[in-house]
Amino acid sequence: MIATQHIEPTTTLAQLQESKPERVTIVLLSGDLDRAMAAFIIATGAAAMGMHVTMFFTFWGLNTIRRRGATSSAKDWLRRMFGLLNKGGADALPLSRFHFAGLGTKMMQTVMKQNRMPGVPELMQTALDLGVRFIACTTTMGLMGITKNTLIDGIDQFAGVTTYLAEAKQGNVNLFI
């Protein structure tokens, strides 16, 4: 005989609301348009619910918070070249799939506009307006030749993984995108 437990939806919902996470951290590793959108949609949704949200931008995710067309001021040619090849800007991110030399991305942006869906730049501004905290990974910035001058205004902190981990330790929801 199998014992079953009866779950009352209203009781379960009340229990979930009592244990509602109040802190969310999101690591944005990807510099892809669709993944960045997902990260900012989650961040703005959580912030709108009153949660404390921290986003940690590392590796290709730093392209999301780079100024479009900002060149690297790295001293060595390898990092300068990397900066030239690795252009950033929230409005210039490629799709993770079906990019097709930019055609897929343009199609996606057209569909988003037709459906009045905000793009990454608008979602990023909404996140900043809602108090989402942005941390740029200094280790990756050095590795990729990215400087503070090449990033947008509104970055709350330039720090390494230990700062992120201290935030994540307090978080109830920690996402890696």
C-alpha atoms as a PDB file:
ATOM      1  CA  MET A   1       0.000   0.000   0.000  1.00  0.00           C
ATOM      2  CA  ILE A   2       1.323   3.389  -1.000  1.00  0.00           C
ATOM      3  CA  ALA A   3       0.754   6.250   1.393  1.00  0.00           C
ATOM      4  CA  THR A   4      -0.173   9.514  -0.276  1.00  0.00           C
ATOM      5  CA  GLN A   5      -0.048  12.945   1.218  1.00  0.00           C
ATOM      6  CA  HIS A   6      -2.848  15.376   0.584  1.00  0.00           C
ATOM      7  CA  ILE A   7      -1.574  18.803  -0.429  1.00  0.00           C
ATOM      8  CA  GLU A   8      -3.863  21.745   0.144  1.00  0.00           C
ATOM      9  CA  PRO A   9      -3.075  24.432  -2.492  1.00  0.00           C
ATOM     10  CA  THR A  10      -3.946  27.426  -0.305  1.00  0.00           C
ATOM     11  CA  THR A  11      -1.810  26.133   2.557  1.00  0.00           C
ATOM     12  CA  THR A  12       1.079  25.387   0.237  1.00  0.00           C
ATOM     13  CA  LEU A  13       0.845  28.836  -1.322  1.00  0.00           C
ATOM     14  CA  ALA A  14       0.796  30.479   2.107  1.00  0.00           C
ATOM     15  CA  GLN A  15       3.883  28.477   3.106  1.00  0.00           C
ATOM     16  CA  LEU A  16       5.657  29.526  -0.080  1.00  0.00           C
ATOM     17  CA  GLN A  17       4.819  33.169   0.497  1.00  0.00           C
ATOM     18  CA  GLU A  18       6.184  32.981   4.028  1.00  0.00           C
ATOM     19  CA  SER A  19       9.437  31.506   2.743  1.00  0.00           C
ATOM     20  CA  LYS A  20       9.637  33.903  -0.204  1.00  0.00           C
ATOM     21  CA  PRO A  21      13.236  34.562  -1.090  1.00  0.00           C
ATOM     22  CA  GLU A  22      14.193  38.135  -0.494  1.00  0.00           C
ATOM     23  CA  ARG A  23      17.553  38.124  -2.241  1.00  0.00           C
ATOM     24  CA  VAL A  24      18.312  37.071  -5.807  1.00  0.00           C
ATOM     25  CA  THR A  25      21.699  36.905  -7.489  1.00  0.00           C
ATOM     26  CA  ILE A  26      22.216  36.391 -11.192  1.00  0.00           C
ATOM     27  CA  VAL A  27      25.529  35.626 -12.858  1.00  0.00           C
ATOM     28  CA  LEU A  28      25.380  36.733 -16.478  1.00  0.00           C
ATOM     29  CA  LEU A  29      28.139  34.860 -18.280  1.00  0.00           C
ATOM     30  CA  SER A  30      26.575  35.005 -21.722  1.00  0.00           C
ATOM     31  CA  GLY A  31      26.672  37.938 -24.101  1.00  0.00           C
ATOM     32  CA  ASP A  32      23.809  36.565 -26.189  1.00  0.00           C
ATOM     33  CA  LEU A  33      20.704  38.684 -26.723  1.00  0.00           C
ATOM     34  CA  ASP A  34      18.181  36.048 -25.677  1.00  0.00           C
ATOM     35  CA  ARG A  35      20.093  35.034 -22.564  1.00  0.00           C
ATOM     36  CA  ALA A  36      20.685  38.637 -21.524  1.00  0.00           C
ATOM     37  CA  MET A  37      16.969  39.322 -22.000  1.00  0.00           C
ATOM     38  CA  ALA A  38      16.096  36.369 -19.777  1.00  0.00           C
ATOM     39  CA  ALA A  39      18.490  37.607 -17.087  1.00  0.00           C
ATOM     40  CA  PHE A  40      17.072  41.137 -17.126  1.00  0.00           C
ATOM     41  CA  ILE A  41      13.450  39.952 -17.241  1.00  0.00           C
ATOM     42  CA  ILE A  42      14.078  37.814 -14.153  1.00  0.00           C
ATOM     43  CA  ALA A  43      16.005  40.629 -12.441  1.00  0.00           C
ATOM     44  CA  THR A  44      13.326  43.247 -13.087  1.00  0.00           C
ATOM     45  CA  GLY A  45      10.547  40.845 -12.112  1.00  0.00           C
ATOM     46  CA  ALA A  46      12.252  40.021  -8.828  1.00  0.00           C
ATOM     47  CA  ALA A  47      13.023  43.675  -8.126  1.00  0.00           C
ATOM     48  CA  ALA A  48       9.397  44.601  -8.875  1.00  0.00           C
ATOM     49  CA  MET A  49       8.381  42.032  -6.251  1.00  0.00           C
ATOM     50  CA  GLY A  50      10.507  43.855  -3.711  1.00  0.00           C
ATOM     51  CA  MET A  51      13.437  41.467  -3.747  1.00  0.00           C
ATOM     52  CA  HIS A  52      17.043  42.617  -3.483  1.00  0.00           C
ATOM     53  CA  VAL A  53      18.684  41.718  -6.807  1.00  0.00           C
ATOM     54  CA  THR A  54      22.383  41.620  -7.651  1.00  0.00           C
ATOM     55  CA  MET A  55      23.674  40.898 -11.156  1.00  0.00           C
ATOM     56  CA  PHE A  56      27.295  39.818 -11.603  1.00  0.00           C
ATOM     57  CA  PHE A  57      28.615  40.329 -15.137  1.00  0.00           C
ATOM     58  CA  THR A  58      31.544  38.180 -16.160  1.00  0.00           C
ATOM     59  CA  PHE A  59      33.218  36.991 -19.379  1.00  0.00           C
ATOM     60  CA  TRP A  60      30.871  37.571 -22.372  1.00  0.00           C
ATOM     61  CA  GLY A  61      28.210  38.946 -20.048  1.00  0.00           C
ATOM     62  CA  LEU A  62      30.381  42.051 -19.708  1.00  0.00           C
ATOM     63  CA  ASN A  63      29.467  42.862 -23.334  1.00  0.00           C
ATOM     64  CA  THR A  64      25.948  43.583 -22.130  1.00  0.00           C
ATOM     65  CA  ILE A  65      27.155  46.480 -19.987  1.00  0.00           C
ATOM     66  CA  ARG A  66      29.795  47.743 -22.415  1.00  0.00           C
ATOM     67  CA  ARG A  67      29.272  51.007 -24.219  1.00  0.00           C
ATOM     68  CA  ARG A  68      28.693  50.397 -27.870  1.00  0.00           C
ATOM     69  CA  GLY A  69      31.767  51.181 -29.895  1.00  0.00           C
ATOM     70  CA  ALA A  70      33.986  51.770 -26.862  1.00  0.00           C
ATOM     71  CA  THR A  71      37.449  50.549 -27.697  1.00  0.00           C
ATOM     72  CA  SER A  72      39.833  48.846 -25.362  1.00  0.00           C
ATOM     73  CA  SER A  73      42.614  50.906 -23.884  1.00  0.00           C
ATOM     74  CA  ALA A  74      44.645  47.852 -22.977  1.00  0.00           C
ATOM     75  CA  LYS A  75      48.379  48.273 -23.336  1.00  0.00           C
ATOM     76  CA  ASP A  76      49.215  44.999 -25.014  1.00  0.00           C
ATOM     77  CA  TRP A  77      48.167  44.307 -28.611  1.00  0.00           C
ATOM     78  CA  LEU A  78      46.519  40.973 -27.809  1.00  0.00           C
ATOM     79  CA  ARG A  79      43.971  42.515 -25.421  1.00  0.00           C
ATOM     80  CA  ARG A  80      43.418  45.507 -27.717  1.00  0.00           C
ATOM     81  CA  MET A  81      42.743  43.093 -30.589  1.00  0.00           C
ATOM     82  CA  PHE A  82      40.449  41.084 -28.355  1.00  0.00           C
ATOM     83  CA  GLY A  83      38.565  44.294 -27.540  1.00  0.00           C
ATOM     84  CA  LEU A  84      38.220  45.126 -31.228  1.00  0.00           C
ATOM     85  CA  LEU A  85      36.860  41.679 -32.082  1.00  0.00           C
ATOM     86  CA  ASN A  86      34.651  41.525 -29.008  1.00  0.00           C
ATOM     87  CA  LYS A  87      32.412  44.523 -29.490  1.00  0.00           C
ATOM     88  CA  GLY A  88      29.777  45.143 -26.919  1.00  0.00           C
ATOM     89  CA  GLY A  89      26.666  47.166 -26.366  1.00  0.00           C
ATOM     90  CA  ALA A  90      23.290  45.998 -25.136  1.00  0.00           C
ATOM     91  CA  ASP A  91      21.709  46.821 -28.470  1.00  0.00           C
ATOM     92  CA  ALA A  92      24.315  44.912 -30.480  1.00  0.00           C
ATOM     93  CA  LEU A  93      24.170  41.476 -28.871  1.00  0.00           C
ATOM     94  CA  PRO A  94      23.801  38.435 -31.159  1.00  0.00           C
ATOM     95  CA  LEU A  95      21.277  35.635 -30.695  1.00  0.00           C
ATOM     96  CA  SER A  96      22.613  32.428 -29.152  1.00  0.00           C
ATOM     97  CA  ARG A  97      21.039  30.438 -32.005  1.00  0.00           C
ATOM     98  CA  PHE A  98      19.952  31.363 -35.531  1.00  0.00           C
ATOM     99  CA  HIS A  99      22.054  34.524 -35.597  1.00  0.00           C
ATOM    100  CA  PHE A 100      22.793  34.030 -39.333  1.00  0.00           C
ATOM    101  CA  ALA A 101      25.241  36.939 -39.605  1.00  0.00           C
ATOM    102  CA  GLY A 102      22.783  39.258 -37.880  1.00  0.00           C
ATOM    103  CA  LEU A 103      19.663  38.389 -39.902  1.00  0.00           C
ATOM    104  CA  GLY A 104      18.163  36.246 -37.122  1.00  0.00           C
ATOM    105  CA  THR A 105      18.876  38.934 -34.551  1.00  0.00           C
ATOM    106  CA  LYS A 106      17.199  41.613 -36.705  1.00  0.00           C
ATOM    107  CA  MET A 107      14.179  39.337 -37.162  1.00  0.00           C
ATOM    108  CA  MET A 108      13.956  38.784 -33.399  1.00  0.00           C
ATOM    109  CA  GLN A 109      14.247  42.514 -32.694  1.00  0.00           C
ATOM    110  CA  THR A 110      11.507  43.217 -35.259  1.00  0.00           C
ATOM    111  CA  VAL A 111       9.177  40.671 -33.676  1.00  0.00           C
ATOM    112  CA  MET A 112       9.925  42.088 -30.227  1.00  0.00           C
ATOM    113  CA  LYS A 113       9.161  45.611 -31.437  1.00  0.00           C
ATOM    114  CA  GLN A 114       5.911  44.466 -33.092  1.00  0.00           C
ATOM    115  CA  ASN A 115       4.862  42.909 -29.799  1.00  0.00           C
ATOM    116  CA  ARG A 116       5.988  45.954 -27.814  1.00  0.00           C
ATOM    117  CA  MET A 117       8.489  43.931 -25.872  1.00  0.00           C
ATOM    118  CA  PRO A 118      11.362  45.974 -24.454  1.00  0.00           C
ATOM    119  CA  GLY A 119      14.859  45.243 -25.678  1.00  0.00           C
ATOM    120  CA  VAL A 120      17.901  44.644 -23.522  1.00  0.00           C
ATOM    121  CA  PRO A 121      18.784  48.371 -23.251  1.00  0.00           C
ATOM    122  CA  GLU A 122      15.286  49.192 -21.968  1.00  0.00           C
ATOM    123  CA  LEU A 123      15.266  46.199 -19.608  1.00  0.00           C
ATOM    124  CA  MET A 124      18.691  47.229 -18.317  1.00  0.00           C
ATOM    125  CA  GLN A 125      17.486  50.765 -17.634  1.00  0.00           C
ATOM    126  CA  THR A 126      14.388  49.384 -15.884  1.00  0.00           C
ATOM    127  CA  ALA A 127      16.636  47.188 -13.742  1.00  0.00           C
ATOM    128  CA  LEU A 128      18.757  50.203 -12.787  1.00  0.00           C
ATOM    129  CA  ASP A 129      15.611  52.222 -12.019  1.00  0.00           C
ATOM    130  CA  LEU A 130      14.346  49.398  -9.781  1.00  0.00           C
ATOM    131  CA  GLY A 131      17.602  49.353  -7.834  1.00  0.00           C
ATOM    132  CA  VAL A 132      19.135  46.183  -9.245  1.00  0.00           C
ATOM    133  CA  ARG A 133      22.795  46.170  -8.261  1.00  0.00           C
ATOM    134  CA  PHE A 134      25.345  45.666 -11.072  1.00  0.00           C
ATOM    135  CA  ILE A 135      28.779  44.194 -10.325  1.00  0.00           C
ATOM    136  CA  ALA A 136      31.394  43.948 -13.084  1.00  0.00           C
ATOM    137  CA  CYS A 137      33.934  41.161 -12.637  1.00  0.00           C
ATOM    138  CA  THR A 138      37.370  42.753 -12.380  1.00  0.00           C
ATOM    139  CA  THR A 139      39.229  39.524 -13.058  1.00  0.00           C
ATOM    140  CA  THR A 140      37.513  39.074 -16.397  1.00  0.00           C
ATOM    141  CA  MET A 141      37.806  42.770 -17.204  1.00  0.00           C
ATOM    142  CA  GLY A 142      41.585  42.477 -16.888  1.00  0.00           C
ATOM    143  CA  LEU A 143      41.666  39.260 -18.875  1.00  0.00           C
ATOM    144  CA  MET A 144      39.623  40.693 -21.736  1.00  0.00           C
ATOM    145  CA  GLY A 145      41.153  44.171 -21.771  1.00  0.00           C
ATOM    146  CA  ILE A 146      37.926  45.841 -20.631  1.00  0.00           C
ATOM    147  CA  THR A 147      38.311  48.999 -18.566  1.00  0.00           C
ATOM    148  CA  LYS A 148      35.873  51.002 -16.449  1.00  0.00           C
ATOM    149  CA  ASN A 149      35.775  53.637 -19.189  1.00  0.00           C
ATOM    150  CA  THR A 150      34.377  51.123 -21.681  1.00  0.00           C
ATOM    151  CA  LEU A 151      31.424  50.210 -19.452  1.00  0.00           C
ATOM    152  CA  ILE A 152      28.115  52.052 -19.085  1.00  0.00           C
ATOM    153  CA  ASP A 153      27.360  54.344 -16.186  1.00  0.00           C
ATOM    154  CA  GLY A 154      25.454  52.785 -13.316  1.00  0.00           C
ATOM    155  CA  ILE A 155      27.823  49.957 -12.428  1.00  0.00           C
ATOM    156  CA  ASP A 156      27.606  49.742  -8.643  1.00  0.00           C
ATOM    157  CA  GLN A 157      30.792  47.861  -8.019  1.00  0.00           C
ATOM    158  CA  PHE A 158      33.898  46.508  -9.699  1.00  0.00           C
ATOM    159  CA  ALA A 159      34.795  43.365  -7.823  1.00  0.00           C
ATOM    160  CA  GLY A 160      35.819  39.747  -8.033  1.00  0.00           C
ATOM    161  CA  VAL A 161      34.161  36.451  -7.385  1.00  0.00           C
ATOM    162  CA  THR A 162      34.447  36.695  -3.586  1.00  0.00           C
ATOM    163  CA  THR A 163      32.123  39.710  -3.617  1.00  0.00           C
ATOM    164  CA  TYR A 164      29.642  37.804  -5.735  1.00  0.00           C
ATOM    165  CA  LEU A 165      29.870  34.752  -3.475  1.00  0.00           C
ATOM    166  CA  ALA A 166      29.233  36.902  -0.403  1.00  0.00           C
ATOM    167  CA  GLU A 167      26.053  38.141  -2.097  1.00  0.00           C
ATOM    168  CA  ALA A 168      25.062  34.652  -3.257  1.00  0.00           C
ATOM    169  CA  LYS A 169      25.557  33.260   0.248  1.00  0.00           C
ATOM    170  CA  GLN A 170      22.766  35.540   1.439  1.00  0.00           C
ATOM    171  CA  GLY A 171      20.565  34.809  -1.560  1.00  0.00           C
ATOM    172  CA  ASN A 172      17.710  32.404  -1.696  1.00  0.00           C
ATOM    173  CA  VAL A 173      17.690  32.331  -5.491  1.00  0.00           C
ATOM    174  CA  ASN A 174      21.015  32.186  -7.337  1.00  0.00           C
ATOM    175  CA  LEU A 175      20.936  31.883 -11.117  1.00  0.00           C
ATOM    176  CA  PHE A 176      23.676  31.329 -13.678  1.00  0.00           C
ATOM    177  CA  ILE A 177      22.853  32.467 -17.191  1.00  0.00           C
END
